[in-house]
Amino acid sequence: MTDTQVAPATDLPTHPSPRAAGCPFDPPPALHALQPEQPLARVRIWDGSSPWLITRYDHVRALLGDPRVSADVNADGYPHTSEGRRASARTRQTFLTMDDPDHARIRRMVTAPFAVKKIETLRPSVQRIVDDLIDDMLAGPRPVDLVQAFALPVPSLVICELLGVPYADHDLFQRNTQVIVKRDASPEESVAATTALADYLEELLAAKEARPADDLLSELAVKRVATGEMTRREAAHMGVLLLGAGHETTANMIALGTLALLQHPDQLAALRNAQDPKTVSAAVEELLRYLNITHSGRRRVAREDIEIDGQVIRAGEGIIFANEVANRDPNAFAGDPDTLDITRDARRHVAFGYGVHQCLGQPLARVELQVVYSTLYRRIPTLALATDIDRLEFKHDGLVYGVYELPVTW
């Protein structure tokens, strides 16, 4: 066992570190450099603290599955991504930032609608939404911004239908969610955006309590709020989480995944010509592994001393899981993990996290991406980037990675 002397925070590498110019799909070179030599390393973050950065795949899974690792954002030592995120976290707490048993109890309240069999019943509806949006694109002018015309509306329409949120209000929730996921948003901006969404959803829950429908918010209003199991504000904050996560992450995967495929025409052709749904499913998992759009790392704090690979993570020390490079670990994925290969068995990736806090909405994201990737390139076989990739603006400032705009033509 090694109890390494910690260097002064000013001497540590900073995190997050920049991606290499011209390599928008690859993790930052600094992460690749740490993985073989210092898979558990101290780094300096925005507030001057020095949490542990975990870059190796087996370490990520071991620690994310360890009950001594806490997701509590209010715990001393928790490595917040920014001052704005820290301020926003203090205004609300959801099951995402709780530990068991509270985490399990509250998460169970919304588990059933996201079960695999339940989500599969939504596939025809997702297909209709995708086809209608493609029809609109084909009937409109060219070039078109794929983000606004397709990538953002697809998951927004789906999550609105599932939750019972009027899609007519999409500008309100998309605009505020974009503030919440920006790493450089001020505390005032983050709190204001979170509060605006919570206020909106609280009013919607009150209306559904009086006139319930067949949707998740109505179920929360009737079964949880009306019975006193949750306050309406608590249910509203749960709605903020589900609504934001339900559209922002998948929208970025649709746009960034399309760009990655356009830059790998052999992989795009193989996916476009695929007849077997298993090929499409494998492509989705590989793109999730390859891109891993949650690129600021999952954040945790140690509740007890933890020994791993000769190092000791002390109680109260922050932990950041660099899933984007863990998903490129050559010890975990055969072949060259820095290469996009839709025939690869990538099912064990950690793009959705691991352990009790792994993404609740992953069955929905998978269905949406399977429908999109099996439909868009088949219906528009000549889809092409309408600008040079070097002119695209990538979301280096966000908690979720992607592109702000993706001009395409055909």
Protein backbone atom coordinates (compact mmCIF):
# COMPACT_ATOMS: atom_id res chain seq x y z
CA MET A 1 0.00 0.00 0.00
CA THR A 2 1.23 3.49 -0.90
CA ASP A 3 0.16 6.70 0.79
CA THR A 4 1.59 9.17 -1.69
CA GLN A 5 2.57 12.66 -0.57
CA VAL A 6 0.30 15.08 -2.40
CA ALA A 7 2.00 17.79 -4.41
CA PRO A 8 0.85 21.38 -3.88
CA ALA A 9 -2.32 22.00 -5.90
CA THR A 10 -0.49 24.62 -7.99
CA ASP A 11 1.91 21.92 -9.24
CA LEU A 12 -0.81 19.52 -10.35
CA PRO A 13 -2.23 19.20 -13.87
CA THR A 14 -5.47 21.09 -14.34
CA HIS A 15 -8.77 19.41 -15.13
CA PRO A 16 -10.55 19.54 -17.46
CA SER A 17 -7.76 19.73 -20.01
CA PRO A 18 -8.23 20.77 -23.66
CA ARG A 19 -8.75 18.41 -26.58
CA ALA A 20 -6.12 18.39 -29.30
CA ALA A 21 -6.73 20.70 -32.23
CA GLY A 22 -8.24 18.82 -35.15
CA CYS A 23 -9.27 15.85 -32.97
CA PRO A 24 -12.81 16.73 -31.84
CA PHE A 25 -13.86 13.13 -31.14
CA ASP A 26 -10.87 12.14 -29.01
CA PRO A 27 -10.39 12.67 -25.26
CA PRO A 28 -7.79 15.27 -24.24
CA PRO A 29 -4.19 14.05 -24.75
CA ALA A 30 -3.49 14.66 -21.04
CA LEU A 31 -5.98 11.94 -20.11
CA HIS A 32 -4.41 9.48 -22.53
CA ALA A 33 -1.00 10.27 -21.04
CA LEU A 34 -2.17 9.65 -17.47
CA GLN A 35 -3.96 6.36 -18.11
CA PRO A 36 -0.97 4.00 -18.49
CA GLU A 37 1.32 5.69 -15.95
CA GLN A 38 -0.91 7.42 -13.38
CA PRO A 39 -4.39 5.94 -13.66
CA LEU A 40 -5.18 7.42 -10.23
CA ALA A 41 -3.82 10.95 -10.24
CA ARG A 42 -4.37 14.17 -8.37
CA VAL A 43 -5.55 17.12 -10.48
CA ARG A 44 -6.35 20.76 -9.81
CA ILE A 45 -9.87 21.99 -10.58
CA TRP A 46 -11.46 25.44 -10.81
CA ASP A 47 -11.72 26.09 -7.05
CA GLY A 48 -8.09 25.12 -6.31
CA SER A 49 -8.96 21.76 -4.75
CA SER A 50 -7.18 18.57 -5.81
CA PRO A 51 -9.52 15.59 -6.26
CA TRP A 52 -8.50 12.24 -7.68
CA LEU A 53 -8.87 11.68 -11.43
CA ILE A 54 -9.61 8.07 -12.42
CA THR A 55 -8.79 7.15 -16.01
CA ARG A 56 -8.56 3.35 -16.17
CA TYR A 57 -11.66 1.37 -17.06
CA ASP A 58 -11.42 -1.28 -14.32
CA HIS A 59 -10.81 1.38 -11.66
CA VAL A 60 -13.81 3.39 -12.87
CA ARG A 61 -16.14 0.40 -12.61
CA ALA A 62 -14.72 -0.70 -9.25
CA LEU A 63 -15.14 2.72 -7.63
CA LEU A 64 -18.51 3.59 -9.19
CA GLY A 65 -19.77 0.28 -7.80
CA ASP A 66 -18.29 0.89 -4.33
CA PRO A 67 -20.85 1.94 -1.66
CA ARG A 68 -18.10 3.92 0.09
CA VAL A 69 -18.17 6.36 -2.83
CA SER A 70 -20.84 9.03 -2.39
CA ALA A 71 -22.83 11.05 -4.93
CA ASP A 72 -23.93 13.61 -2.33
CA VAL A 73 -23.22 17.04 -3.82
CA ASN A 74 -23.54 18.66 -0.40
CA ALA A 75 -20.80 16.53 1.18
CA ASP A 76 -17.52 18.22 2.10
CA GLY A 77 -14.93 17.52 -0.58
CA TYR A 78 -17.38 16.95 -3.44
CA PRO A 79 -15.63 18.19 -6.63
CA HIS A 80 -18.20 20.43 -8.29
CA THR A 81 -17.68 21.22 -11.95
CA SER A 82 -18.05 24.97 -11.44
CA GLU A 83 -19.21 27.65 -9.03
CA GLY A 84 -22.49 27.84 -10.92
CA ARG A 85 -23.12 24.11 -10.59
CA ARG A 86 -22.30 24.25 -6.89
CA ALA A 87 -24.81 27.05 -6.36
CA SER A 88 -27.47 25.26 -8.38
CA ALA A 89 -26.94 22.03 -6.42
CA ARG A 90 -27.70 23.84 -3.18
CA THR A 91 -31.17 24.79 -4.46
CA ARG A 92 -32.29 21.22 -5.07
CA GLN A 93 -31.45 17.59 -4.46
CA THR A 94 -32.63 14.68 -6.57
CA PHE A 95 -32.03 10.94 -6.40
CA LEU A 96 -29.09 11.51 -8.74
CA THR A 97 -27.24 13.24 -5.92
CA MET A 98 -28.33 11.00 -3.05
CA ASP A 99 -26.91 7.81 -1.60
CA ASP A 100 -28.82 4.68 -0.69
CA PRO A 101 -31.25 4.06 0.89
CA ASP A 102 -32.81 7.46 -0.01
CA HIS A 103 -31.49 7.20 -3.57
CA ALA A 104 -33.08 3.79 -4.14
CA ARG A 105 -36.38 4.80 -2.53
CA ILE A 106 -36.87 7.90 -4.66
CA ARG A 107 -35.47 6.42 -7.86
CA ARG A 108 -38.01 3.59 -7.62
CA MET A 109 -40.77 6.19 -7.95
CA VAL A 110 -39.84 6.78 -11.60
CA THR A 111 -38.23 3.48 -12.59
CA ALA A 112 -41.24 1.74 -14.14
CA PRO A 113 -41.79 4.15 -17.10
CA PHE A 114 -38.12 3.70 -18.10
CA ALA A 115 -38.11 -0.11 -17.96
CA VAL A 116 -36.88 -1.74 -21.17
CA LYS A 117 -40.22 -3.40 -22.04
CA LYS A 118 -42.14 -0.18 -21.39
CA ILE A 119 -39.75 1.90 -23.49
CA GLU A 120 -40.00 -0.60 -26.36
CA THR A 121 -43.69 0.24 -26.64
CA LEU A 122 -42.63 3.80 -27.52
CA ARG A 123 -40.59 2.70 -30.54
CA PRO A 124 -43.41 3.26 -33.09
CA SER A 125 -43.98 6.74 -31.67
CA VAL A 126 -40.26 7.54 -31.88
CA GLN A 127 -40.23 6.25 -35.47
CA ARG A 128 -43.16 8.51 -36.36
CA ILE A 129 -41.45 11.54 -34.84
CA VAL A 130 -38.19 10.80 -36.69
CA ASP A 131 -39.97 10.25 -40.03
CA ASP A 132 -42.06 13.43 -39.68
CA LEU A 133 -38.99 15.55 -38.95
CA ILE A 134 -37.11 14.05 -41.90
CA ASP A 135 -40.13 14.78 -44.12
CA ASP A 136 -40.00 18.41 -42.98
CA MET A 137 -36.27 18.63 -43.69
CA LEU A 138 -36.62 17.13 -47.16
CA ALA A 139 -39.40 19.58 -47.99
CA GLY A 140 -37.44 22.59 -46.76
CA PRO A 141 -34.43 24.60 -47.88
CA ARG A 142 -30.84 23.40 -47.97
CA PRO A 143 -28.49 23.52 -46.18
CA VAL A 144 -30.17 23.02 -42.83
CA ASP A 145 -28.90 23.00 -39.26
CA LEU A 146 -29.37 19.38 -38.19
CA VAL A 147 -29.27 20.37 -34.52
CA GLN A 148 -32.30 22.65 -34.65
CA ALA A 149 -34.21 20.81 -37.38
CA PHE A 150 -33.75 17.26 -36.13
CA ALA A 151 -31.33 16.37 -33.31
CA LEU A 152 -32.94 18.60 -30.68
CA PRO A 153 -36.61 18.09 -31.61
CA VAL A 154 -36.45 14.26 -31.64
CA PRO A 155 -35.67 13.66 -27.94
CA SER A 156 -37.57 16.79 -26.89
CA LEU A 157 -40.79 15.54 -28.49
CA VAL A 158 -40.29 12.07 -27.02
CA ILE A 159 -39.58 13.19 -23.45
CA CYS A 160 -42.47 15.67 -23.60
CA GLU A 161 -44.82 12.84 -24.57
CA LEU A 162 -43.48 10.60 -21.81
CA LEU A 163 -43.57 13.24 -19.06
CA GLY A 164 -46.70 15.06 -20.18
CA VAL A 165 -44.97 18.39 -20.88
CA PRO A 166 -46.44 20.51 -23.72
CA TYR A 167 -43.91 20.60 -26.56
CA ALA A 168 -45.14 24.11 -27.30
CA ASP A 169 -43.07 25.15 -24.28
CA HIS A 170 -39.87 23.64 -25.69
CA ASP A 171 -38.13 27.00 -26.03
CA LEU A 172 -38.47 27.57 -22.27
CA PHE A 173 -37.05 24.24 -21.17
CA GLN A 174 -34.39 23.99 -23.88
CA ARG A 175 -33.11 27.50 -23.18
CA ASN A 176 -32.88 26.99 -19.42
CA THR A 177 -31.37 23.51 -19.73
CA GLN A 178 -28.62 24.94 -21.94
CA VAL A 179 -27.73 27.36 -19.13
CA ILE A 180 -27.75 24.60 -16.50
CA VAL A 181 -25.29 22.43 -18.45
CA LYS A 182 -22.86 25.26 -19.26
CA ARG A 183 -19.74 24.98 -17.16
CA ASP A 184 -19.07 28.72 -17.24
CA ALA A 185 -22.57 29.84 -16.25
CA SER A 186 -22.50 32.13 -13.21
CA PRO A 187 -24.11 31.05 -9.93
CA GLU A 188 -26.89 33.57 -10.52
CA GLU A 189 -27.54 32.26 -14.04
CA SER A 190 -27.51 28.61 -12.91
CA VAL A 191 -29.86 29.20 -9.99
CA ALA A 192 -32.20 31.34 -12.11
CA ALA A 193 -32.42 28.70 -14.84
CA THR A 194 -33.03 25.90 -12.33
CA THR A 195 -35.66 27.95 -10.51
CA ALA A 196 -37.45 28.89 -13.73
CA LEU A 197 -37.77 25.23 -14.74
CA ALA A 198 -38.85 24.15 -11.26
CA ASP A 199 -41.49 26.91 -11.13
CA TYR A 200 -42.81 25.88 -14.55
CA LEU A 201 -43.02 22.20 -13.64
CA GLU A 202 -44.55 22.92 -10.24
CA GLU A 203 -47.44 24.73 -11.96
CA LEU A 204 -47.79 21.85 -14.39
CA LEU A 205 -47.88 19.33 -11.54
CA ALA A 206 -50.63 21.32 -9.82
CA ALA A 207 -52.70 21.22 -12.99
CA LYS A 208 -52.14 17.48 -13.38
CA GLU A 209 -53.06 16.84 -9.77
CA ALA A 210 -56.46 18.31 -10.59
CA ARG A 211 -56.75 16.76 -14.07
CA PRO A 212 -54.39 13.78 -14.37
CA ALA A 213 -53.52 12.24 -17.72
CA ASP A 214 -51.58 9.16 -18.80
CA ASP A 215 -48.08 10.52 -18.26
CA LEU A 216 -45.26 10.45 -15.73
CA LEU A 217 -45.88 13.89 -14.22
CA SER A 218 -49.52 12.97 -13.60
CA GLU A 219 -48.38 9.80 -11.89
CA LEU A 220 -46.04 11.79 -9.65
CA ALA A 221 -48.79 14.31 -8.90
CA VAL A 222 -51.40 11.70 -8.00
CA LYS A 223 -49.35 8.92 -6.41
CA ARG A 224 -46.58 10.92 -4.73
CA VAL A 225 -47.58 14.55 -4.20
CA ALA A 226 -51.28 14.12 -3.39
CA THR A 227 -50.45 11.35 -0.93
CA GLY A 228 -47.83 13.45 0.85
CA GLU A 229 -44.93 11.17 -0.12
CA MET A 230 -43.25 14.09 -1.89
CA THR A 231 -43.77 17.82 -1.87
CA ARG A 232 -44.77 19.39 -5.15
CA ARG A 233 -41.43 21.20 -5.23
CA GLU A 234 -39.53 17.93 -4.80
CA ALA A 235 -41.52 16.42 -7.66
CA ALA A 236 -40.81 19.52 -9.76
CA HIS A 237 -37.06 19.14 -9.21
CA MET A 238 -37.32 15.52 -10.25
CA GLY A 239 -39.09 16.74 -13.38
CA VAL A 240 -36.27 19.21 -14.05
CA LEU A 241 -33.79 16.33 -13.96
CA LEU A 242 -35.85 14.03 -16.19
CA LEU A 243 -36.77 16.74 -18.68
CA GLY A 244 -33.23 18.08 -19.02
CA ALA A 245 -31.47 14.73 -19.17
CA GLY A 246 -34.17 13.38 -21.44
CA HIS A 247 -33.43 15.73 -24.32
CA GLU A 248 -30.00 17.38 -23.93
CA THR A 249 -27.80 14.29 -23.92
CA THR A 250 -29.55 12.43 -26.73
CA ALA A 251 -29.71 15.54 -28.89
CA ASN A 252 -25.93 15.88 -28.68
CA MET A 253 -25.43 12.18 -29.41
CA ILE A 254 -27.57 12.47 -32.55
CA ALA A 255 -25.65 15.47 -33.90
CA LEU A 256 -22.15 14.45 -32.83
CA GLY A 257 -22.75 10.83 -33.85
CA THR A 258 -23.85 11.99 -37.30
CA LEU A 259 -20.74 14.15 -37.64
CA ALA A 260 -18.51 11.26 -36.57
CA LEU A 261 -20.11 8.97 -39.14
CA LEU A 262 -19.78 11.59 -41.88
CA GLN A 263 -16.06 11.70 -41.06
CA HIS A 264 -15.92 7.88 -41.27
CA PRO A 265 -17.74 7.13 -44.55
CA ASP A 266 -16.96 3.42 -44.44
CA GLN A 267 -18.69 3.10 -41.07
CA LEU A 268 -21.59 5.25 -42.27
CA ALA A 269 -22.05 3.06 -45.36
CA ALA A 270 -22.03 -0.10 -43.26
CA LEU A 271 -24.67 1.33 -40.95
CA ARG A 272 -26.81 2.70 -43.80
CA ASN A 273 -26.84 -0.70 -45.53
CA ALA A 274 -27.44 -2.72 -42.36
CA GLN A 275 -30.45 -5.03 -42.49
CA ASP A 276 -30.02 -6.65 -39.08
CA PRO A 277 -31.25 -4.62 -36.06
CA LYS A 278 -28.36 -6.11 -34.10
CA THR A 279 -25.94 -4.24 -36.36
CA VAL A 280 -27.73 -0.98 -35.59
CA SER A 281 -27.70 -1.75 -31.86
CA ALA A 282 -23.98 -2.48 -31.98
CA ALA A 283 -23.37 0.79 -33.82
CA VAL A 284 -25.24 2.71 -31.12
CA GLU A 285 -23.12 1.15 -28.37
CA GLU A 286 -19.90 1.83 -30.27
CA LEU A 287 -20.80 5.46 -30.88
CA LEU A 288 -21.69 5.86 -27.20
CA ARG A 289 -18.31 4.38 -26.27
CA TYR A 290 -16.35 6.32 -28.87
CA LEU A 291 -17.91 9.73 -28.21
CA ASN A 292 -18.90 9.58 -24.52
CA ILE A 293 -20.50 13.03 -24.56
CA THR A 294 -20.56 13.42 -20.75
CA HIS A 295 -17.02 14.75 -20.89
CA SER A 296 -16.54 16.62 -17.62
CA GLY A 297 -16.36 13.36 -15.71
CA ARG A 298 -18.75 11.89 -13.19
CA ARG A 299 -18.14 13.40 -9.77
CA ARG A 300 -18.12 11.68 -6.38
CA VAL A 301 -16.57 11.93 -2.90
CA ALA A 302 -15.16 9.19 -0.68
CA ARG A 303 -17.16 8.51 2.49
CA GLU A 304 -14.44 6.26 3.92
CA ASP A 305 -10.80 5.51 3.19
CA ILE A 306 -10.55 3.36 0.05
CA GLU A 307 -7.46 1.47 -1.05
CA ILE A 308 -7.22 0.76 -4.76
CA ASP A 309 -4.21 -0.28 -6.82
CA GLY A 310 -1.74 0.67 -4.08
CA GLN A 311 -3.23 4.12 -3.51
CA VAL A 312 -5.42 5.33 -0.65
CA ILE A 313 -8.29 7.69 -1.36
CA ARG A 314 -9.04 9.29 1.99
CA ALA A 315 -12.50 9.97 3.37
CA GLY A 316 -13.64 13.41 2.25
CA GLU A 317 -11.51 13.47 -0.91
CA GLY A 318 -13.18 14.17 -4.23
CA ILE A 319 -13.14 11.75 -7.15
CA ILE A 320 -13.61 12.47 -10.86
CA PHE A 321 -14.21 9.60 -13.26
CA ALA A 322 -12.85 10.31 -16.74
CA ASN A 323 -15.24 8.01 -18.55
CA GLU A 324 -14.29 9.38 -21.96
CA VAL A 325 -10.79 7.91 -21.69
CA ALA A 326 -11.89 4.86 -19.68
CA ASN A 327 -13.96 3.99 -22.74
CA ARG A 328 -10.76 4.12 -24.79
CA ASP A 329 -8.82 1.82 -22.43
CA PRO A 330 -7.01 -0.82 -24.56
CA ASN A 331 -7.21 -3.26 -21.66
CA ALA A 332 -11.01 -3.15 -21.83
CA PHE A 333 -11.76 -2.95 -25.56
CA ALA A 334 -10.16 -5.17 -28.17
CA GLY A 335 -8.49 -3.74 -31.23
CA ASP A 336 -7.61 -0.05 -31.41
CA PRO A 337 -10.07 1.66 -29.04
CA ASP A 338 -9.29 5.05 -30.59
CA THR A 339 -10.83 3.79 -33.85
CA LEU A 340 -14.57 3.92 -34.57
CA ASP A 341 -15.65 0.37 -35.44
CA ILE A 342 -19.39 -0.35 -35.42
CA THR A 343 -18.71 -4.10 -35.46
CA ARG A 344 -16.95 -3.88 -32.09
CA ASP A 345 -18.60 -5.38 -29.01
CA ALA A 346 -18.81 -2.15 -27.00
CA ARG A 347 -21.68 -3.11 -24.69
CA ARG A 348 -19.55 -2.84 -21.53
CA HIS A 349 -18.84 0.86 -22.03
CA VAL A 350 -19.38 3.28 -19.16
CA ALA A 351 -21.00 6.11 -21.14
CA PHE A 352 -24.10 5.68 -18.95
CA GLY A 353 -22.05 5.31 -15.79
CA TYR A 354 -21.97 2.18 -13.66
CA GLY A 355 -23.42 0.94 -10.39
CA VAL A 356 -26.55 2.10 -8.64
CA HIS A 357 -26.41 5.58 -10.21
CA GLN A 358 -26.11 4.47 -13.82
CA CYS A 359 -28.38 6.44 -16.14
CA LEU A 360 -32.08 5.77 -15.54
CA GLY A 361 -32.99 6.84 -19.08
CA GLN A 362 -30.55 4.64 -20.97
CA PRO A 363 -33.27 2.35 -22.44
CA LEU A 364 -34.99 5.42 -23.88
CA ALA A 365 -31.74 6.86 -25.25
CA ARG A 366 -30.92 3.54 -26.91
CA VAL A 367 -34.31 3.29 -28.63
CA GLU A 368 -34.11 6.90 -29.86
CA LEU A 369 -30.59 6.45 -31.21
CA GLN A 370 -31.40 3.10 -32.82
CA VAL A 371 -34.36 4.64 -34.65
CA VAL A 372 -32.40 7.73 -35.68
CA TYR A 373 -29.28 5.90 -36.87
CA SER A 374 -31.30 3.29 -38.77
CA THR A 375 -33.53 5.89 -40.47
CA LEU A 376 -31.78 9.20 -41.13
CA TYR A 377 -28.92 7.93 -43.34
CA ARG A 378 -31.16 5.48 -45.18
CA ARG A 379 -33.77 8.11 -46.01
CA ILE A 380 -31.14 10.74 -46.90
CA PRO A 381 -28.33 8.60 -48.36
CA THR A 382 -26.45 11.62 -49.74
CA LEU A 383 -26.40 13.48 -46.41
CA ALA A 384 -23.22 15.56 -46.24
CA LEU A 385 -21.60 18.22 -44.12
CA ALA A 386 -22.31 21.65 -45.61
CA THR A 387 -19.22 23.33 -44.16
CA ASP A 388 -15.67 22.47 -43.22
CA ILE A 389 -15.40 20.60 -39.93
CA ASP A 390 -12.82 23.13 -38.72
CA ARG A 391 -15.52 25.82 -38.89
CA LEU A 392 -17.86 24.01 -36.48
CA GLU A 393 -18.22 25.28 -32.91
CA PHE A 394 -17.92 22.45 -30.41
CA LYS A 395 -19.32 22.55 -26.88
CA HIS A 396 -16.05 22.72 -25.00
CA ASP A 397 -17.77 24.88 -22.38
CA GLY A 398 -20.50 22.40 -21.48
CA LEU A 399 -21.04 19.42 -19.23
CA VAL A 400 -22.38 17.62 -22.30
CA TYR A 401 -20.19 17.61 -25.40
CA GLY A 402 -21.50 18.20 -28.90
CA VAL A 403 -21.80 20.86 -31.59
CA TYR A 404 -23.82 24.05 -31.42
CA GLU A 405 -24.76 23.82 -35.10
CA LEU A 406 -24.35 21.13 -37.76
CA PRO A 407 -25.05 22.49 -41.26
CA VAL A 408 -25.89 19.60 -43.62
CA THR A 409 -27.10 19.20 -47.14
CA TRP A 410 -27.90 16.40 -49.57
